[in-house]
Amino acid sequence: MNYLAHVYLSGSNPELAVGNFIADSIKGKQYLDYPPMMHKGILLHRSIDDFTDKHVIFKKHVSLLFLR
């Protein structure tokens, strides 16, 4: 589901969507090795993840994902 959300948030630009889709496997500054629009997609992915990881609702409910 996460992949679908990232692709959806890329809008209608295919290169941006590809960058956003592959971003989890691109570490550190390796994003600089990709074309400019894919580079933007990778950074967009990181920004989306940062936003959601810090969001108060996510923080409040993340423990529900790891019930014992």
PDB file of N, CA and C in Angstrom:
ATOM      1  N   MET A   1       0.814  -1.187   0.000  1.00  0.00           N
ATOM      2  CA  MET A   1       0.000   0.000   0.000  1.00  0.00           C
ATOM      3  C   MET A   1       0.859   1.252   0.000  1.00  0.00           C
ATOM      4  N   ASN A   2       1.939   1.233   0.711  1.00  0.00           N
ATOM      5  CA  ASN A   2       2.829   2.390   0.781  1.00  0.00           C
ATOM      6  C   ASN A   2       3.313   2.787  -0.608  1.00  0.00           C
ATOM      7  N   TYR A   3       3.657   1.799  -1.434  1.00  0.00           N
ATOM      8  CA  TYR A   3       4.123   2.103  -2.788  1.00  0.00           C
ATOM      9  C   TYR A   3       3.046   2.816  -3.593  1.00  0.00           C
ATOM     10  N   LEU A   4       1.818   2.359  -3.478  1.00  0.00           N
ATOM     11  CA  LEU A   4       0.724   2.984  -4.214  1.00  0.00           C
ATOM     12  C   LEU A   4       0.529   4.429  -3.786  1.00  0.00           C
ATOM     13  N   ALA A   5       0.624   4.688  -2.500  1.00  0.00           N
ATOM     14  CA  ALA A   5       0.478   6.058  -2.004  1.00  0.00           C
ATOM     15  C   ALA A   5       1.585   6.945  -2.553  1.00  0.00           C
ATOM     16  N   HIS A   6       2.801   6.447  -2.558  1.00  0.00           N
ATOM     17  CA  HIS A   6       3.922   7.243  -3.074  1.00  0.00           C
ATOM     18  C   HIS A   6       3.745   7.538  -4.563  1.00  0.00           C
ATOM     19  N   VAL A   7       3.340   6.555  -5.329  1.00  0.00           N
ATOM     20  CA  VAL A   7       3.131   6.776  -6.763  1.00  0.00           C
ATOM     21  C   VAL A   7       1.981   7.762  -6.980  1.00  0.00           C
ATOM     22  N   TYR A   8       0.906   7.612  -6.238  1.00  0.00           N
ATOM     23  CA  TYR A   8      -0.235   8.523  -6.356  1.00  0.00           C
ATOM     24  C   TYR A   8       0.186   9.964  -6.055  1.00  0.00           C
ATOM     25  N   LEU A   9       1.010  10.152  -5.033  1.00  0.00           N
ATOM     26  CA  LEU A   9       1.439  11.495  -4.641  1.00  0.00           C
ATOM     27  C   LEU A   9       2.464  12.090  -5.608  1.00  0.00           C
ATOM     28  N   SER A  10       2.867  11.327  -6.607  1.00  0.00           N
ATOM     29  CA  SER A  10       3.787  11.831  -7.632  1.00  0.00           C
ATOM     30  C   SER A  10       3.054  12.579  -8.734  1.00  0.00           C
ATOM     31  N   GLY A  11       1.749  12.514  -8.741  1.00  0.00           N
ATOM     32  CA  GLY A  11       0.995  13.179  -9.796  1.00  0.00           C
ATOM     33  C   GLY A  11       1.113  12.413 -11.100  1.00  0.00           C
ATOM     34  N   SER A  12       1.139  13.153 -12.211  1.00  0.00           N
ATOM     35  CA  SER A  12       1.115  12.505 -13.527  1.00  0.00           C
ATOM     36  C   SER A  12       2.486  12.443 -14.205  1.00  0.00           C
ATOM     37  N   ASN A  13       3.553  12.704 -13.465  1.00  0.00           N
ATOM     38  CA  ASN A  13       4.886  12.688 -14.051  1.00  0.00           C
ATOM     39  C   ASN A  13       5.515  11.303 -13.866  1.00  0.00           C
ATOM     40  N   PRO A  14       5.704  10.551 -14.947  1.00  0.00           N
ATOM     41  CA  PRO A  14       6.236   9.176 -14.825  1.00  0.00           C
ATOM     42  C   PRO A  14       7.625   9.091 -14.197  1.00  0.00           C
ATOM     43  N   GLU A  15       8.525   9.996 -14.550  1.00  0.00           N
ATOM     44  CA  GLU A  15       9.879   9.939 -13.977  1.00  0.00           C
ATOM     45  C   GLU A  15       9.864  10.239 -12.489  1.00  0.00           C
ATOM     46  N   LEU A  16       9.047  11.194 -12.082  1.00  0.00           N
ATOM     47  CA  LEU A  16       8.900  11.509 -10.659  1.00  0.00           C
ATOM     48  C   LEU A  16       8.345  10.287  -9.928  1.00  0.00           C
ATOM     49  N   ALA A  17       7.362   9.624 -10.523  1.00  0.00           N
ATOM     50  CA  ALA A  17       6.763   8.436  -9.925  1.00  0.00           C
ATOM     51  C   ALA A  17       7.779   7.304  -9.783  1.00  0.00           C
ATOM     52  N   VAL A  18       8.616   7.112 -10.786  1.00  0.00           N
ATOM     53  CA  VAL A  18       9.648   6.061 -10.714  1.00  0.00           C
ATOM     54  C   VAL A  18      10.615   6.361  -9.577  1.00  0.00           C
ATOM     55  N   GLY A  19      11.069   7.601  -9.488  1.00  0.00           N
ATOM     56  CA  GLY A  19      11.971   7.993  -8.403  1.00  0.00           C
ATOM     57  C   GLY A  19      11.334   7.770  -7.046  1.00  0.00           C
ATOM     58  N   ASN A  20      10.075   8.149  -6.930  1.00  0.00           N
ATOM     59  CA  ASN A  20       9.340   7.982  -5.681  1.00  0.00           C
ATOM     60  C   ASN A  20       9.172   6.497  -5.353  1.00  0.00           C
ATOM     61  N   PHE A  21       8.955   5.684  -6.365  1.00  0.00           N
ATOM     62  CA  PHE A  21       8.742   4.246  -6.195  1.00  0.00           C
ATOM     63  C   PHE A  21      10.016   3.514  -5.764  1.00  0.00           C
ATOM     64  N   ILE A  22      11.155   3.883  -6.332  1.00  0.00           N
ATOM     65  CA  ILE A  22      12.409   3.159  -6.056  1.00  0.00           C
ATOM     66  C   ILE A  22      13.177   3.709  -4.863  1.00  0.00           C
ATOM     67  N   ALA A  23      12.698   4.767  -4.272  1.00  0.00           N
ATOM     68  CA  ALA A  23      13.469   5.520  -3.276  1.00  0.00           C
ATOM     69  C   ALA A  23      13.944   4.701  -2.085  1.00  0.00           C
ATOM     70  N   ASP A  24      13.171   3.732  -1.639  1.00  0.00           N
ATOM     71  CA  ASP A  24      13.592   2.953  -0.461  1.00  0.00           C
ATOM     72  C   ASP A  24      14.898   2.201  -0.693  1.00  0.00           C
ATOM     73  N   SER A  25      15.204   1.910  -1.944  1.00  0.00           N
ATOM     74  CA  SER A  25      16.438   1.169  -2.225  1.00  0.00           C
ATOM     75  C   SER A  25      17.619   2.086  -2.558  1.00  0.00           C
ATOM     76  N   ILE A  26      17.387   3.393  -2.563  1.00  0.00           N
ATOM     77  CA  ILE A  26      18.450   4.358  -2.872  1.00  0.00           C
ATOM     78  C   ILE A  26      18.951   4.941  -1.561  1.00  0.00           C
ATOM     79  N   LYS A  27      20.189   4.680  -1.235  1.00  0.00           N
ATOM     80  CA  LYS A  27      20.741   5.098   0.051  1.00  0.00           C
ATOM     81  C   LYS A  27      21.594   6.358  -0.080  1.00  0.00           C
ATOM     82  N   GLY A  28      21.607   7.144   0.988  1.00  0.00           N
ATOM     83  CA  GLY A  28      22.456   8.322   1.070  1.00  0.00           C
ATOM     84  C   GLY A  28      22.315   9.248  -0.121  1.00  0.00           C
ATOM     85  N   LYS A  29      23.461   9.616  -0.690  1.00  0.00           N
ATOM     86  CA  LYS A  29      23.480  10.547  -1.816  1.00  0.00           C
ATOM     87  C   LYS A  29      23.479   9.856  -3.173  1.00  0.00           C
ATOM     88  N   GLN A  30      23.174   8.554  -3.185  1.00  0.00           N
ATOM     89  CA  GLN A  30      23.090   7.842  -4.466  1.00  0.00           C
ATOM     90  C   GLN A  30      22.037   8.443  -5.378  1.00  0.00           C
ATOM     91  N   TYR A  31      21.074   9.186  -4.807  1.00  0.00           N
ATOM     92  CA  TYR A  31      20.033   9.812  -5.628  1.00  0.00           C
ATOM     93  C   TYR A  31      20.632  10.781  -6.643  1.00  0.00           C
ATOM     94  N   LEU A  32      21.838  11.270  -6.377  1.00  0.00           N
ATOM     95  CA  LEU A  32      22.502  12.197  -7.294  1.00  0.00           C
ATOM     96  C   LEU A  32      22.904  11.526  -8.600  1.00  0.00           C
ATOM     97  N   ASP A  33      22.933  10.201  -8.623  1.00  0.00           N
ATOM     98  CA  ASP A  33      23.293   9.444  -9.828  1.00  0.00           C
ATOM     99  C   ASP A  33      22.125   9.278 -10.803  1.00  0.00           C
ATOM    100  N   TYR A  34      20.949   9.774 -10.446  1.00  0.00           N
ATOM    101  CA  TYR A  34      19.743   9.602 -11.264  1.00  0.00           C
ATOM    102  C   TYR A  34      19.393  10.892 -11.992  1.00  0.00           C
ATOM    103  N   PRO A  35      18.604  10.780 -13.053  1.00  0.00           N
ATOM    104  CA  PRO A  35      18.167  11.979 -13.787  1.00  0.00           C
ATOM    105  C   PRO A  35      17.420  12.947 -12.851  1.00  0.00           C
ATOM    106  N   PRO A  36      17.412  14.227 -13.188  1.00  0.00           N
ATOM    107  CA  PRO A  36      16.841  15.243 -12.299  1.00  0.00           C
ATOM    108  C   PRO A  36      15.421  14.966 -11.794  1.00  0.00           C
ATOM    109  N   MET A  37      14.521  14.514 -12.631  1.00  0.00           N
ATOM    110  CA  MET A  37      13.153  14.297 -12.179  1.00  0.00           C
ATOM    111  C   MET A  37      13.052  13.068 -11.274  1.00  0.00           C
ATOM    112  N   MET A  38      13.841  12.034 -11.530  1.00  0.00           N
ATOM    113  CA  MET A  38      13.868  10.875 -10.638  1.00  0.00           C
ATOM    114  C   MET A  38      14.489  11.280  -9.299  1.00  0.00           C
ATOM    115  N   HIS A  39      15.501  12.109  -9.366  1.00  0.00           N
ATOM    116  CA  HIS A  39      16.159  12.677  -8.185  1.00  0.00           C
ATOM    117  C   HIS A  39      15.098  13.369  -7.316  1.00  0.00           C
ATOM    118  N   LYS A  40      14.232  14.169  -7.951  1.00  0.00           N
ATOM    119  CA  LYS A  40      13.157  14.850  -7.226  1.00  0.00           C
ATOM    120  C   LYS A  40      12.176  13.842  -6.616  1.00  0.00           C
ATOM    121  N   GLY A  41      11.888  12.773  -7.344  1.00  0.00           N
ATOM    122  CA  GLY A  41      10.988  11.746  -6.834  1.00  0.00           C
ATOM    123  C   GLY A  41      11.543  11.046  -5.604  1.00  0.00           C
ATOM    124  N   ILE A  42      12.827  10.777  -5.613  1.00  0.00           N
ATOM    125  CA  ILE A  42      13.483  10.137  -4.461  1.00  0.00           C
ATOM    126  C   ILE A  42      13.404  11.057  -3.244  1.00  0.00           C
ATOM    127  N   LEU A  43      13.688  12.339  -3.464  1.00  0.00           N
ATOM    128  CA  LEU A  43      13.610  13.297  -2.357  1.00  0.00           C
ATOM    129  C   LEU A  43      12.172  13.505  -1.895  1.00  0.00           C
ATOM    130  N   LEU A  44      11.219  13.453  -2.823  1.00  0.00           N
ATOM    131  CA  LEU A  44       9.806  13.544  -2.454  1.00  0.00           C
ATOM    132  C   LEU A  44       9.426  12.372  -1.549  1.00  0.00           C
ATOM    133  N   HIS A  45       9.858  11.187  -1.911  1.00  0.00           N
ATOM    134  CA  HIS A  45       9.588   9.992  -1.106  1.00  0.00           C
ATOM    135  C   HIS A  45      10.116  10.175   0.317  1.00  0.00           C
ATOM    136  N   ARG A  46      11.332  10.649   0.423  1.00  0.00           N
ATOM    137  CA  ARG A  46      11.937  10.853   1.744  1.00  0.00           C
ATOM    138  C   ARG A  46      11.150  11.903   2.539  1.00  0.00           C
ATOM    139  N   SER A  47      10.704  12.927   1.860  1.00  0.00           N
ATOM    140  CA  SER A  47       9.925  13.975   2.516  1.00  0.00           C
ATOM    141  C   SER A  47       8.571  13.441   3.005  1.00  0.00           C
ATOM    142  N   ILE A  48       7.907  12.642   2.185  1.00  0.00           N
ATOM    143  CA  ILE A  48       6.633  12.039   2.570  1.00  0.00           C
ATOM    144  C   ILE A  48       6.832  11.132   3.787  1.00  0.00           C
ATOM    145  N   ASP A  49       7.861  10.297   3.755  1.00  0.00           N
ATOM    146  CA  ASP A  49       8.133   9.406   4.883  1.00  0.00           C
ATOM    147  C   ASP A  49       8.435  10.198   6.153  1.00  0.00           C
ATOM    148  N   ASP A  50       9.212  11.248   6.026  1.00  0.00           N
ATOM    149  CA  ASP A  50       9.551  12.076   7.179  1.00  0.00           C
ATOM    150  C   ASP A  50       8.289  12.697   7.778  1.00  0.00           C
ATOM    151  N   PHE A  51       7.414  13.220   6.918  1.00  0.00           N
ATOM    152  CA  PHE A  51       6.170  13.831   7.385  1.00  0.00           C
ATOM    153  C   PHE A  51       5.301  12.821   8.126  1.00  0.00           C
ATOM    154  N   THR A  52       5.095  11.659   7.510  1.00  0.00           N
ATOM    155  CA  THR A  52       4.203  10.680   8.135  1.00  0.00           C
ATOM    156  C   THR A  52       4.807  10.098   9.415  1.00  0.00           C
ATOM    157  N   ASP A  53       6.123   9.872   9.433  1.00  0.00           N
ATOM    158  CA  ASP A  53       6.767   9.311  10.621  1.00  0.00           C
ATOM    159  C   ASP A  53       6.692  10.259  11.817  1.00  0.00           C
ATOM    160  N   LYS A  54       6.646  11.556  11.558  1.00  0.00           N
ATOM    161  CA  LYS A  54       6.602  12.544  12.635  1.00  0.00           C
ATOM    162  C   LYS A  54       5.185  12.989  12.982  1.00  0.00           C
ATOM    163  N   HIS A  55       4.207  12.547  12.216  1.00  0.00           N
ATOM    164  CA  HIS A  55       2.835  12.995  12.427  1.00  0.00           C
ATOM    165  C   HIS A  55       2.292  12.463  13.753  1.00  0.00           C
ATOM    166  N   VAL A  56       1.619  13.337  14.499  1.00  0.00           N
ATOM    167  CA  VAL A  56       1.138  12.994  15.835  1.00  0.00           C
ATOM    168  C   VAL A  56       0.186  11.791  15.816  1.00  0.00           C
ATOM    169  N   ILE A  57      -0.650  11.681  14.825  1.00  0.00           N
ATOM    170  CA  ILE A  57      -1.589  10.543  14.763  1.00  0.00           C
ATOM    171  C   ILE A  57      -0.836   9.235  14.544  1.00  0.00           C
ATOM    172  N   PHE A  58       0.165   9.261  13.678  1.00  0.00           N
ATOM    173  CA  PHE A  58       0.972   8.059  13.453  1.00  0.00           C
ATOM    174  C   PHE A  58       1.693   7.666  14.734  1.00  0.00           C
ATOM    175  N   LYS A  59       2.329   8.639  15.377  1.00  0.00           N
ATOM    176  CA  LYS A  59       3.070   8.351  16.605  1.00  0.00           C
ATOM    177  C   LYS A  59       2.158   7.768  17.685  1.00  0.00           C
ATOM    178  N   LYS A  60       0.952   8.309  17.761  1.00  0.00           N
ATOM    179  CA  LYS A  60       0.009   7.863  18.777  1.00  0.00           C
ATOM    180  C   LYS A  60      -0.469   6.428  18.539  1.00  0.00           C
ATOM    181  N   HIS A  61      -0.549   6.011  17.282  1.00  0.00           N
ATOM    182  CA  HIS A  61      -1.149   4.724  16.951  1.00  0.00           C
ATOM    183  C   HIS A  61      -0.182   3.658  16.444  1.00  0.00           C
ATOM    184  N   VAL A  62       1.071   3.982  16.290  1.00  0.00           N
ATOM    185  CA  VAL A  62       2.022   3.021  15.736  1.00  0.00           C
ATOM    186  C   VAL A  62       2.116   1.754  16.596  1.00  0.00           C
ATOM    187  N   SER A  63       1.900   1.883  17.879  1.00  0.00           N
ATOM    188  CA  SER A  63       1.980   0.710  18.742  1.00  0.00           C
ATOM    189  C   SER A  63       0.915  -0.333  18.396  1.00  0.00           C
ATOM    190  N   LEU A  64      -0.180   0.090  17.781  1.00  0.00           N
ATOM    191  CA  LEU A  64      -1.223  -0.860  17.372  1.00  0.00           C
ATOM    192  C   LEU A  64      -0.739  -1.833  16.309  1.00  0.00           C
ATOM    193  N   LEU A  65       0.317  -1.457  15.602  1.00  0.00           N
ATOM    194  CA  LEU A  65       0.859  -2.321  14.550  1.00  0.00           C
ATOM    195  C   LEU A  65       1.690  -3.465  15.139  1.00  0.00           C
ATOM    196  N   PHE A  66       2.050  -3.334  16.386  1.00  0.00           N
ATOM    197  CA  PHE A  66       2.948  -4.310  17.012  1.00  0.00           C
ATOM    198  C   PHE A  66       2.339  -4.911  18.272  1.00  0.00           C
ATOM    199  N   LEU A  67       1.069  -5.270  18.191  1.00  0.00           N
ATOM    200  CA  LEU A  67       0.407  -5.892  19.333  1.00  0.00           C
ATOM    201  C   LEU A  67       1.042  -7.248  19.629  1.00  0.00           C
ATOM    202  N   ARG A  68       1.144  -7.552  20.861  1.00  0.00           N
ATOM    203  CA  ARG A  68       1.760  -8.830  21.262  1.00  0.00           C
ATOM    204  C   ARG A  68       0.734  -9.766  21.791  1.00  0.00           C
TER     205      ARG A  68
END
